[in-house]
């Protein structure tokens, strides 16, 4: 309710009637792999928002449609039936969502004025481009230009709407909205106030050490705000303004923890700019064309082992079990598990991308797609294809004492710290048998094969380009 651009603009007219509408498309959500827990998180958050808006005298109307086409028809008829003068809305940037909004504006043209806002970003998309007006393809120059623009932009937060008459009983047009079963992770309480409290605590304390602690999954060193950002409970402006209030020099202190966290917010902006400039990304196409030539192994057994956390590599397995159990995964572990699936198992990155979306409470298409394409070496500014994370070394580096690993792999509880990431070697020396899978692939052999496969794909892509030109 705080810092919602569309709601704020609608409430500027003091005597006007303000209606808040949320149209859900569960069938389309499912087709695009939205996690059931995220759907429930949205519903529960709407219930909380409904109560808060009611206290302001603003009704929230909920409606369900099967798809975006039906939602366009419904909002058109609703605007006409309610004699709406102005439709205010916050933009979404995925291709289908943009097409939906364009259709609404076209069909309401001449009878209802439409006004849209770039509410989910610090800066409007397209406002940070190269000197030739093109979208940045490399992150670091984008970030530098973004920060220059940020220093001269007004990114202040809008307040919550003022009281508009008496509190109202809200009306909902769907029983499913009221009756849906709640099965949400306890680590992420519902509502704007809970999110703001978490933001305050992080900015006042943990942000200072974020650069040091962010990569250690055994420590709660990250903000854990991504679920709230993903569904719009929290705005990036709130994040930035709270951070800057506690750390006024954040934009200049590039080696600090606060700047490192701001950097994550800017990555979020970068990936959104990309899906707007390159709609093919919304169609799950790689940014680098020659990577379409990769001959993926796509072994069903290996994929299932990865999903279940039974690969025989403890850091990978503990991360996947965290995801399956809590609907969230530490960011460093997302990179490790993605790299392992693509580079060690040679499984198409799109399979992993979809699996993450189907599980994550903070599922966000642009960030998830960008992260997977980075790990898979198929995206803009991606890790070079010959770079592969060694899962054993990654475990030793980021969970050296096995604290996180043992939490999710209790079958390794008795393995000593020095052996936790190569438990079978230790067990063999002591004539023990562990109730834990052997490694499903040999990392060094996988590295050799993967580099050869990527190199062949790049060569084939180059030959194809030569023929075309």
Protein backbone atom coordinates (compact mmCIF):
# COMPACT_ATOMS: atom_id res chain seq x y z
CA UNK A 1 0.00 0.00 0.00
CA UNK A 2 2.95 2.31 0.68
CA UNK A 3 4.86 3.49 -2.40
CA UNK A 4 2.46 2.09 -4.98
CA UNK A 5 2.61 4.51 -7.89
CA UNK A 6 -0.72 3.60 -9.46
CA UNK A 7 -2.59 3.68 -6.15
CA UNK A 8 -1.00 6.99 -5.18
CA UNK A 9 -1.95 8.60 -8.50
CA UNK A 10 -5.52 7.32 -8.24
CA UNK A 11 -5.88 8.79 -4.76
CA UNK A 12 -4.71 12.27 -5.72
CA UNK A 13 -8.26 13.20 -6.74
CA UNK A 14 -9.70 13.81 -3.29
CA UNK A 15 -13.39 13.35 -4.04
CA UNK A 16 -13.08 10.61 -6.66
CA UNK A 17 -14.14 7.04 -6.01
CA UNK A 18 -11.11 4.72 -5.98
CA UNK A 19 -11.44 1.01 -6.70
CA UNK A 20 -8.54 -1.42 -6.45
CA UNK A 21 -8.78 -4.45 -8.73
CA UNK A 22 -6.65 -7.59 -8.84
CA UNK A 23 -7.17 -10.06 -11.69
CA UNK A 24 -5.63 -13.48 -11.15
CA UNK A 25 -4.96 -15.92 -13.98
CA UNK A 26 -4.14 -19.19 -12.14
CA UNK A 27 -4.35 -21.37 -15.24
CA UNK A 28 -1.84 -19.19 -17.06
CA UNK A 29 0.32 -19.01 -13.96
CA UNK A 30 0.48 -22.78 -13.90
CA UNK A 31 1.38 -22.91 -17.59
CA UNK A 32 4.30 -20.62 -16.82
CA UNK A 33 5.46 -22.72 -13.86
CA UNK A 34 4.52 -20.43 -10.99
CA UNK A 35 5.23 -22.23 -7.73
CA UNK A 36 2.06 -23.17 -5.80
CA UNK A 37 3.57 -21.60 -2.69
CA UNK A 38 4.06 -18.30 -4.53
CA UNK A 39 0.44 -18.38 -5.66
CA UNK A 40 -0.61 -18.88 -2.05
CA UNK A 41 1.77 -16.11 -0.97
CA UNK A 42 0.02 -13.77 -3.40
CA UNK A 43 -3.44 -14.76 -2.15
CA UNK A 44 -2.48 -14.38 1.50
CA UNK A 45 -0.86 -11.01 0.78
CA UNK A 46 -4.01 -9.87 -1.01
CA UNK A 47 -6.07 -10.75 2.04
CA UNK A 48 -3.79 -8.62 4.19
CA UNK A 49 -3.89 -5.78 1.67
CA UNK A 50 -7.67 -6.00 1.48
CA UNK A 51 -7.94 -5.43 5.22
CA UNK A 52 -5.49 -2.52 5.16
CA UNK A 53 -7.27 -0.84 2.25
CA UNK A 54 -10.62 -1.36 3.98
CA UNK A 55 -9.36 0.72 6.88
CA UNK A 56 -8.75 3.50 4.36
CA UNK A 57 -12.21 3.18 2.85
CA UNK A 58 -10.92 1.66 -0.40
CA UNK A 59 -12.45 -1.58 -1.72
CA UNK A 60 -10.33 -4.31 -3.28
CA UNK A 61 -12.09 -6.41 -5.91
CA UNK A 62 -10.67 -9.79 -6.87
CA UNK A 63 -11.45 -11.66 -10.08
CA UNK A 64 -10.11 -14.84 -11.70
CA UNK A 65 -9.72 -15.48 -15.41
CA UNK A 66 -8.24 -18.44 -17.25
CA UNK A 67 -5.87 -16.35 -19.33
CA UNK A 68 -4.81 -12.85 -20.28
CA UNK A 69 -7.26 -12.65 -23.18
CA UNK A 70 -10.17 -13.20 -20.80
CA UNK A 71 -8.70 -10.74 -18.33
CA UNK A 72 -8.64 -8.06 -21.04
CA UNK A 73 -12.33 -8.65 -21.80
CA UNK A 74 -13.21 -8.59 -18.13
CA UNK A 75 -11.41 -5.34 -17.27
CA UNK A 76 -12.94 -3.61 -20.30
CA UNK A 77 -16.45 -4.57 -19.24
CA UNK A 78 -15.70 -3.77 -15.61
CA UNK A 79 -14.48 -0.25 -16.47
CA UNK A 80 -17.59 0.40 -18.55
CA UNK A 81 -19.93 -1.05 -15.92
CA UNK A 82 -18.33 0.97 -13.12
CA UNK A 83 -18.15 4.12 -15.26
CA UNK A 84 -14.40 4.38 -14.72
CA UNK A 85 -12.85 7.64 -15.88
CA UNK A 86 -9.17 6.76 -15.47
CA UNK A 87 -7.43 3.38 -15.26
CA UNK A 88 -4.14 3.50 -13.36
CA UNK A 89 -1.87 0.47 -13.47
CA UNK A 90 1.71 -0.60 -12.77
CA UNK A 91 3.52 -2.17 -15.71
CA UNK A 92 4.83 -5.69 -15.96
CA UNK A 93 7.62 -6.38 -18.44
CA UNK A 94 7.24 -9.94 -19.67
CA UNK A 95 6.11 -10.14 -23.30
CA UNK A 96 2.60 -11.52 -22.75
CA UNK A 97 1.94 -9.03 -19.98
CA UNK A 98 3.02 -6.13 -22.16
CA UNK A 99 0.78 -7.32 -24.98
CA UNK A 100 -2.11 -7.61 -22.53
CA UNK A 101 -1.64 -4.03 -21.33
CA UNK A 102 -1.38 -2.72 -24.88
CA UNK A 103 -4.67 -4.41 -25.76
CA UNK A 104 -6.40 -2.89 -22.75
CA UNK A 105 -5.20 0.60 -23.62
CA UNK A 106 -6.19 0.20 -27.29
CA UNK A 107 -9.69 -1.04 -26.49
CA UNK A 108 -10.30 1.64 -23.85
CA UNK A 109 -9.00 4.40 -26.10
CA UNK A 110 -11.57 7.17 -26.40
CA UNK A 111 -13.65 6.16 -23.38
CA UNK A 112 -11.25 5.59 -20.48
CA UNK A 113 -7.95 7.35 -19.97
CA UNK A 114 -5.14 4.91 -19.13
CA UNK A 115 -2.07 5.86 -17.14
CA UNK A 116 0.74 3.42 -16.46
CA UNK A 117 3.73 3.51 -14.11
CA UNK A 118 7.09 1.78 -13.83
CA UNK A 119 6.48 0.89 -10.22
CA UNK A 120 8.63 -2.22 -9.79
CA UNK A 121 11.90 -0.56 -10.86
CA UNK A 122 14.15 2.12 -9.45
CA UNK A 123 14.47 3.76 -12.88
CA UNK A 124 12.14 3.43 -15.88
CA UNK A 125 13.27 0.84 -18.45
CA UNK A 126 15.18 2.39 -21.30
CA UNK A 127 16.30 5.38 -19.22
CA UNK A 128 19.80 3.94 -18.87
CA UNK A 129 21.20 3.22 -22.35
CA UNK A 130 24.51 3.41 -24.15
CA UNK A 131 25.66 6.65 -25.78
CA UNK A 132 24.14 5.37 -29.04
CA UNK A 133 20.79 4.78 -27.35
CA UNK A 134 21.02 1.00 -27.23
CA UNK A 135 20.40 -1.38 -24.35
CA UNK A 136 23.50 -2.36 -22.41
CA UNK A 137 24.52 -5.98 -22.91
CA UNK A 138 27.27 -5.97 -20.28
CA UNK A 139 26.44 -5.44 -16.64
CA UNK A 140 29.31 -3.32 -15.29
CA UNK A 141 28.93 -0.37 -17.71
CA UNK A 142 25.16 -0.60 -17.17
CA UNK A 143 25.67 -0.37 -13.42
CA UNK A 144 28.02 2.60 -13.74
CA UNK A 145 25.57 4.46 -15.96
CA UNK A 146 22.68 3.43 -13.73
CA UNK A 147 24.34 4.87 -10.62
CA UNK A 148 25.09 8.15 -12.42
CA UNK A 149 21.42 8.41 -13.36
CA UNK A 150 20.28 7.34 -9.89
CA UNK A 151 22.17 10.20 -8.24
CA UNK A 152 20.15 12.80 -10.16
CA UNK A 153 16.77 11.02 -10.15
CA UNK A 154 13.90 11.38 -7.73
CA UNK A 155 13.32 7.91 -6.32
CA UNK A 156 11.51 8.96 -3.17
CA UNK A 157 8.68 6.78 -1.88
CA UNK A 158 5.01 7.69 -1.98
CA UNK A 159 3.06 7.50 1.29
CA UNK A 160 0.10 5.24 1.92
CA UNK A 161 -3.23 6.70 0.77
CA UNK A 162 -5.14 8.90 3.17
CA UNK A 163 -8.49 7.99 4.64
CA UNK A 164 -11.28 8.08 2.06
CA UNK A 165 -14.49 8.01 4.07
CA UNK A 166 -15.69 5.16 6.24
CA UNK A 167 -14.12 1.72 6.39
CA UNK A 168 -15.82 -0.65 3.97
CA UNK A 169 -16.65 -4.31 3.72
CA UNK A 170 -14.76 -5.65 0.74
CA UNK A 171 -16.39 -7.61 -2.06
CA UNK A 172 -14.71 -10.55 -3.79
CA UNK A 173 -15.94 -12.23 -6.92
CA UNK A 174 -14.19 -15.56 -6.33
CA UNK A 175 -14.71 -18.08 -3.55
CA UNK A 176 -11.29 -19.57 -4.34
CA UNK A 177 -9.72 -16.37 -3.04
CA UNK A 178 -11.24 -16.98 0.38
CA UNK A 179 -10.95 -20.75 0.62
CA UNK A 180 -7.46 -21.49 -0.70
CA UNK A 181 -5.36 -23.64 1.64
CA UNK A 182 -2.40 -21.90 3.25
CA UNK A 183 0.88 -23.77 3.14
CA UNK A 184 3.48 -21.04 3.34
CA UNK A 185 7.07 -21.13 4.62
CA UNK A 186 7.24 -19.80 8.17
CA UNK A 187 10.40 -17.86 7.33
CA UNK A 188 8.45 -15.32 5.28
CA UNK A 189 5.58 -13.70 7.22
CA UNK A 190 2.82 -12.11 5.19
CA UNK A 191 2.35 -8.42 4.65
CA UNK A 192 3.92 -5.08 4.01
CA UNK A 193 4.74 -4.32 7.65
CA UNK A 194 6.58 -7.62 8.06
CA UNK A 195 8.59 -6.88 4.91
CA UNK A 196 9.41 -3.34 6.06
CA UNK A 197 10.51 -4.58 9.46
CA UNK A 198 12.83 -7.09 7.82
CA UNK A 199 14.19 -4.32 5.57
CA UNK A 200 14.86 -2.02 8.54
CA UNK A 201 16.69 -4.72 10.48
CA UNK A 202 18.83 -5.63 7.47
CA UNK A 203 19.79 -2.06 6.60
CA UNK A 204 20.65 -1.19 10.20
CA UNK A 205 22.74 -4.28 10.82
CA UNK A 206 23.44 -7.01 8.31
CA UNK A 207 23.98 -4.71 5.33
CA UNK A 208 27.29 -3.59 6.80
CA UNK A 209 28.70 -7.13 6.63
CA UNK A 210 26.82 -8.23 3.51
CA UNK A 211 29.93 -8.37 1.33
CA UNK A 212 31.60 -10.76 3.76
CA UNK A 213 28.63 -12.93 4.73
CA UNK A 214 26.50 -13.05 1.58
CA UNK A 215 28.15 -16.17 0.16
CA UNK A 216 27.96 -18.30 3.31
CA UNK A 217 24.71 -20.32 3.33
CA UNK A 218 25.17 -21.43 6.96
CA UNK A 219 24.82 -17.78 8.05
CA UNK A 220 21.77 -15.59 7.62
CA UNK A 221 23.75 -12.93 5.82
CA UNK A 222 21.34 -11.98 3.04
CA UNK A 223 18.27 -9.76 3.26
CA UNK A 224 15.69 -12.49 2.44
CA UNK A 225 13.52 -9.79 0.87
CA UNK A 226 13.26 -11.28 -2.61
CA UNK A 227 9.80 -12.90 -2.08
CA UNK A 228 8.35 -9.49 -1.19
CA UNK A 229 10.00 -7.77 -4.14
CA UNK A 230 8.84 -10.52 -6.50
CA UNK A 231 5.12 -9.95 -5.82
CA UNK A 232 5.26 -6.21 -5.17
CA UNK A 233 4.72 -6.16 -1.41
CA UNK A 234 7.93 -4.16 -1.22
CA UNK A 235 9.27 -1.69 -3.78
CA UNK A 236 12.91 -1.30 -4.84
CA UNK A 237 12.64 2.39 -3.91
CA UNK A 238 11.83 1.44 -0.34
CA UNK A 239 14.89 -0.80 -0.32
CA UNK A 240 17.16 1.89 -1.73
CA UNK A 241 15.86 4.68 0.49
CA UNK A 242 16.13 2.67 3.70
CA UNK A 243 19.64 1.61 2.69
CA UNK A 244 20.72 5.16 1.88
CA UNK A 245 19.22 6.50 5.12
CA UNK A 246 21.36 4.09 7.14
CA UNK A 247 24.42 4.34 4.85
CA UNK A 248 24.47 7.82 3.22
CA UNK A 249 27.67 7.13 1.31
CA UNK A 250 26.45 3.90 -0.28
CA UNK A 251 26.73 5.14 -3.88
CA UNK A 252 30.41 6.00 -3.47
CA UNK A 253 31.62 3.18 -1.21
CA UNK A 254 31.98 0.53 -3.89
CA UNK A 255 33.82 -1.96 -1.68
CA UNK A 256 31.24 -1.88 1.11
CA UNK A 257 28.54 -4.30 2.13
CA UNK A 258 25.71 -1.80 1.50
CA UNK A 259 26.95 -1.15 -2.05
CA UNK A 260 27.21 -4.89 -2.65
CA UNK A 261 23.53 -5.27 -1.73
CA UNK A 262 22.57 -2.30 -3.91
CA UNK A 263 24.45 -4.09 -6.68
CA UNK A 264 21.94 -6.96 -6.41
CA UNK A 265 19.05 -4.52 -6.86
CA UNK A 266 20.76 -3.15 -9.97
CA UNK A 267 21.19 -6.67 -11.40
CA UNK A 268 17.42 -6.94 -11.03
CA UNK A 269 17.00 -3.76 -13.10
CA UNK A 270 19.50 -5.00 -15.69
CA UNK A 271 17.59 -8.22 -16.35
CA UNK A 272 14.30 -6.36 -16.70
CA UNK A 273 15.77 -3.99 -19.24
CA UNK A 274 17.00 -7.00 -21.20
CA UNK A 275 13.66 -8.81 -21.46
CA UNK A 276 12.07 -5.62 -22.76
CA UNK A 277 14.79 -4.98 -25.34
CA UNK A 278 15.04 -8.64 -26.37
CA UNK A 279 11.56 -10.26 -26.30
CA UNK A 280 13.11 -13.58 -27.42
CA UNK A 281 14.24 -14.02 -23.81
CA UNK A 282 10.59 -14.28 -22.79
CA UNK A 283 10.30 -17.16 -25.26
CA UNK A 284 13.11 -19.01 -23.48
CA UNK A 285 15.57 -18.40 -26.28
CA UNK A 286 19.27 -17.99 -25.44
CA UNK A 287 20.81 -14.59 -25.88
CA UNK A 288 23.85 -16.10 -27.61
CA UNK A 289 22.55 -17.69 -30.81
CA UNK A 290 25.21 -20.37 -31.27
CA UNK A 291 24.30 -21.96 -27.95
CA UNK A 292 21.18 -23.29 -29.66
CA UNK A 293 23.60 -25.74 -31.29
CA UNK A 294 24.57 -27.37 -27.99
CA UNK A 295 23.85 -31.10 -27.92
CA UNK A 296 22.38 -31.46 -24.45
CA UNK A 297 22.55 -34.85 -22.78
CA UNK A 298 19.16 -34.37 -21.06
CA UNK A 299 19.42 -37.61 -19.10
CA UNK A 300 16.17 -38.10 -17.16
CA UNK A 301 17.85 -40.08 -14.37
CA UNK A 302 20.50 -37.41 -13.80
CA UNK A 303 17.89 -34.65 -13.86
CA UNK A 304 15.77 -36.44 -11.28
CA UNK A 305 18.79 -36.97 -9.02
CA UNK A 306 19.56 -33.25 -9.24
CA UNK A 307 15.97 -32.30 -8.41
CA UNK A 308 15.86 -34.60 -5.39
CA UNK A 309 19.27 -33.64 -4.04
CA UNK A 310 20.82 -37.04 -4.66
CA UNK A 311 23.78 -36.25 -6.91
CA UNK A 312 26.46 -37.35 -4.45
CA UNK A 313 27.87 -33.82 -4.25
CA UNK A 314 26.93 -32.49 -0.79
CA UNK A 315 26.83 -28.77 -1.54
CA UNK A 316 24.54 -29.37 -4.52
CA UNK A 317 22.31 -31.82 -2.68
CA UNK A 318 21.93 -29.72 0.46
CA UNK A 319 20.99 -26.71 -1.69
CA UNK A 320 18.36 -28.64 -3.64
CA UNK A 321 16.87 -30.04 -0.46
CA UNK A 322 16.70 -26.54 0.98
CA UNK A 323 14.79 -25.45 -2.12
CA UNK A 324 12.38 -28.39 -2.03
CA UNK A 325 11.72 -27.94 1.68
CA UNK A 326 11.57 -24.15 2.10
CA UNK A 327 10.74 -22.80 -1.40
CA UNK A 328 13.86 -20.65 -1.21
CA UNK A 329 17.56 -21.10 -1.95
CA UNK A 330 20.59 -19.08 -0.99
CA UNK A 331 21.87 -17.04 -3.96
CA UNK A 332 25.38 -18.54 -4.01
CA UNK A 333 23.81 -21.99 -4.05
CA UNK A 334 21.59 -21.04 -6.98
CA UNK A 335 24.73 -20.38 -8.99
CA UNK A 336 26.38 -23.62 -7.86
CA UNK A 337 23.36 -25.85 -8.55
CA UNK A 338 22.64 -24.21 -11.91
CA UNK A 339 26.23 -24.53 -13.02
CA UNK A 340 26.26 -28.18 -11.95
CA UNK A 341 23.08 -29.05 -13.86
CA UNK A 342 24.25 -27.41 -17.07
CA UNK A 343 27.99 -28.00 -17.03
CA UNK A 344 28.39 -31.26 -15.10
CA UNK A 345 25.19 -32.99 -16.22
CA UNK A 346 24.87 -31.32 -19.65
CA UNK A 347 21.15 -30.77 -19.14
CA UNK A 348 19.44 -27.91 -20.94
CA UNK A 349 19.36 -24.79 -18.74
CA UNK A 350 15.67 -24.31 -19.56
CA UNK A 351 14.80 -27.48 -17.62
CA UNK A 352 16.49 -26.06 -14.54
CA UNK A 353 14.97 -22.63 -15.09
CA UNK A 354 11.47 -24.10 -15.13
CA UNK A 355 12.13 -26.28 -12.10
CA UNK A 356 13.31 -23.30 -10.07
CA UNK A 357 10.22 -21.32 -11.07
CA UNK A 358 8.00 -24.21 -10.04
CA UNK A 359 9.52 -24.22 -6.54
CA UNK A 360 10.65 -20.71 -5.62
CA UNK A 361 8.61 -18.44 -3.39
CA UNK A 362 10.54 -15.53 -4.95
CA UNK A 363 10.11 -16.75 -8.52
CA UNK A 364 10.70 -13.84 -10.88
CA UNK A 365 10.97 -14.51 -14.59
CA UNK A 366 13.53 -11.85 -15.53
CA UNK A 367 15.92 -12.57 -12.66
CA UNK A 368 15.52 -16.34 -12.88
CA UNK A 369 16.06 -16.37 -16.64
CA UNK A 370 19.01 -14.01 -16.39
CA UNK A 371 20.62 -16.06 -13.65
CA UNK A 372 20.22 -19.34 -15.49
CA UNK A 373 21.54 -17.94 -18.75
CA UNK A 374 24.50 -16.49 -16.86
CA UNK A 375 25.30 -19.88 -15.32
CA UNK A 376 24.73 -21.70 -18.61
CA UNK A 377 26.98 -19.32 -20.61
CA UNK A 378 24.09 -18.65 -22.99
CA UNK A 379 23.18 -15.13 -21.91
CA UNK A 380 24.44 -11.59 -22.14
CA UNK A 381 27.50 -10.94 -19.97
CA UNK A 382 27.48 -14.62 -19.02
CA UNK A 383 30.24 -16.65 -17.44
CA UNK A 384 32.56 -18.03 -20.19
CA UNK A 385 31.46 -21.49 -21.32
CA UNK A 386 34.74 -23.10 -20.27
CA UNK A 387 34.31 -21.90 -16.70
CA UNK A 388 32.89 -24.66 -14.51
CA UNK A 389 32.41 -24.63 -10.78
CA UNK A 390 34.04 -27.57 -9.07
CA UNK A 391 31.25 -28.64 -6.67
CA UNK A 392 33.71 -30.07 -4.15
CA UNK A 393 35.79 -26.89 -4.04
CA UNK A 394 32.66 -24.74 -3.91
CA UNK A 395 31.50 -26.69 -0.87
CA UNK A 396 34.85 -26.34 0.86
CA UNK A 397 34.98 -22.62 0.14
CA UNK A 398 31.45 -21.60 1.12
CA UNK A 399 30.55 -24.21 3.75
CA UNK A 400 33.97 -25.19 5.13
CA UNK A 401 32.67 -26.65 8.38
CA UNK A 402 29.70 -28.40 6.82
CA UNK A 403 27.17 -26.60 9.02
CA UNK A 404 24.74 -25.96 6.19
CA UNK A 405 25.43 -29.32 4.57
CA UNK A 406 24.68 -31.34 7.69
CA UNK A 407 21.45 -29.43 8.28
CA UNK A 408 20.03 -30.74 5.00
CA UNK A 409 21.97 -33.99 4.74
CA UNK A 410 21.56 -35.61 8.17
CA UNK A 411 22.97 -38.85 6.75
CA UNK A 412 26.36 -37.11 6.82
CA UNK A 413 26.06 -36.01 10.45
CA UNK A 414 29.06 -38.05 11.60
CA UNK A 415 31.41 -37.12 8.77
CA UNK A 416 34.16 -34.78 10.06
CA UNK A 417 34.51 -31.24 8.77
CA UNK A 418 37.55 -31.88 6.61
CA UNK A 419 35.76 -34.68 4.73
CA UNK A 420 32.20 -33.38 4.56
CA UNK A 421 32.40 -32.52 0.85
CA UNK A 422 34.08 -35.81 -0.12
CA UNK A 423 32.36 -38.12 2.35
CA UNK A 424 32.83 -41.38 0.47
CA UNK A 425 36.61 -40.98 0.38
CA UNK A 426 36.57 -40.65 4.15
CA UNK A 427 34.15 -43.55 4.60
CA UNK A 428 36.30 -45.81 2.43
CA UNK A 429 39.39 -45.10 4.51
CA UNK A 430 37.49 -46.11 7.63
CA UNK A 431 35.71 -49.13 6.10
CA UNK A 432 32.32 -47.45 6.47
CA UNK A 433 29.32 -47.38 4.18
CA UNK A 434 27.29 -44.18 4.04
CA UNK A 435 23.58 -43.98 3.36
CA UNK A 436 24.30 -41.30 0.78
CA UNK A 437 24.58 -41.56 -3.03
CA UNK A 438 27.90 -41.91 -4.77
CA UNK A 439 28.66 -39.03 -7.20
CA UNK A 440 26.48 -39.53 -10.29
CA UNK A 441 29.18 -38.09 -12.56
CA UNK A 442 32.91 -37.51 -12.35
CA UNK A 443 33.49 -33.76 -12.36
CA UNK A 444 36.78 -33.82 -14.26
CA UNK A 445 35.36 -36.05 -16.98
CA UNK A 446 32.24 -33.90 -17.17
CA UNK A 447 34.41 -30.83 -17.57
CA UNK A 448 36.25 -32.37 -20.50
CA UNK A 449 33.01 -33.42 -22.22
CA UNK A 450 31.21 -30.14 -21.62
CA UNK A 451 34.00 -27.97 -22.97
CA UNK A 452 34.13 -30.15 -26.08
CA UNK A 453 30.34 -29.95 -26.57
CA UNK A 454 30.26 -26.16 -26.15
CA UNK A 455 33.28 -25.73 -28.41
CA UNK A 456 31.64 -27.84 -31.13
CA UNK A 457 28.41 -25.82 -30.83
CA UNK A 458 30.29 -22.55 -31.14
CA UNK A 459 32.14 -23.83 -34.20
CA UNK A 460 28.88 -24.98 -35.81
CA UNK A 461 27.32 -21.59 -35.12
CA UNK A 462 30.28 -19.82 -36.70
CA UNK A 463 30.06 -21.97 -39.83
CA UNK A 464 26.35 -21.26 -40.12
CA UNK A 465 26.98 -17.50 -39.87
CA UNK A 466 29.59 -17.71 -42.61
CA UNK A 467 27.13 -19.43 -44.94
CA UNK A 468 24.46 -16.81 -44.24
CA UNK A 469 26.85 -13.97 -45.06
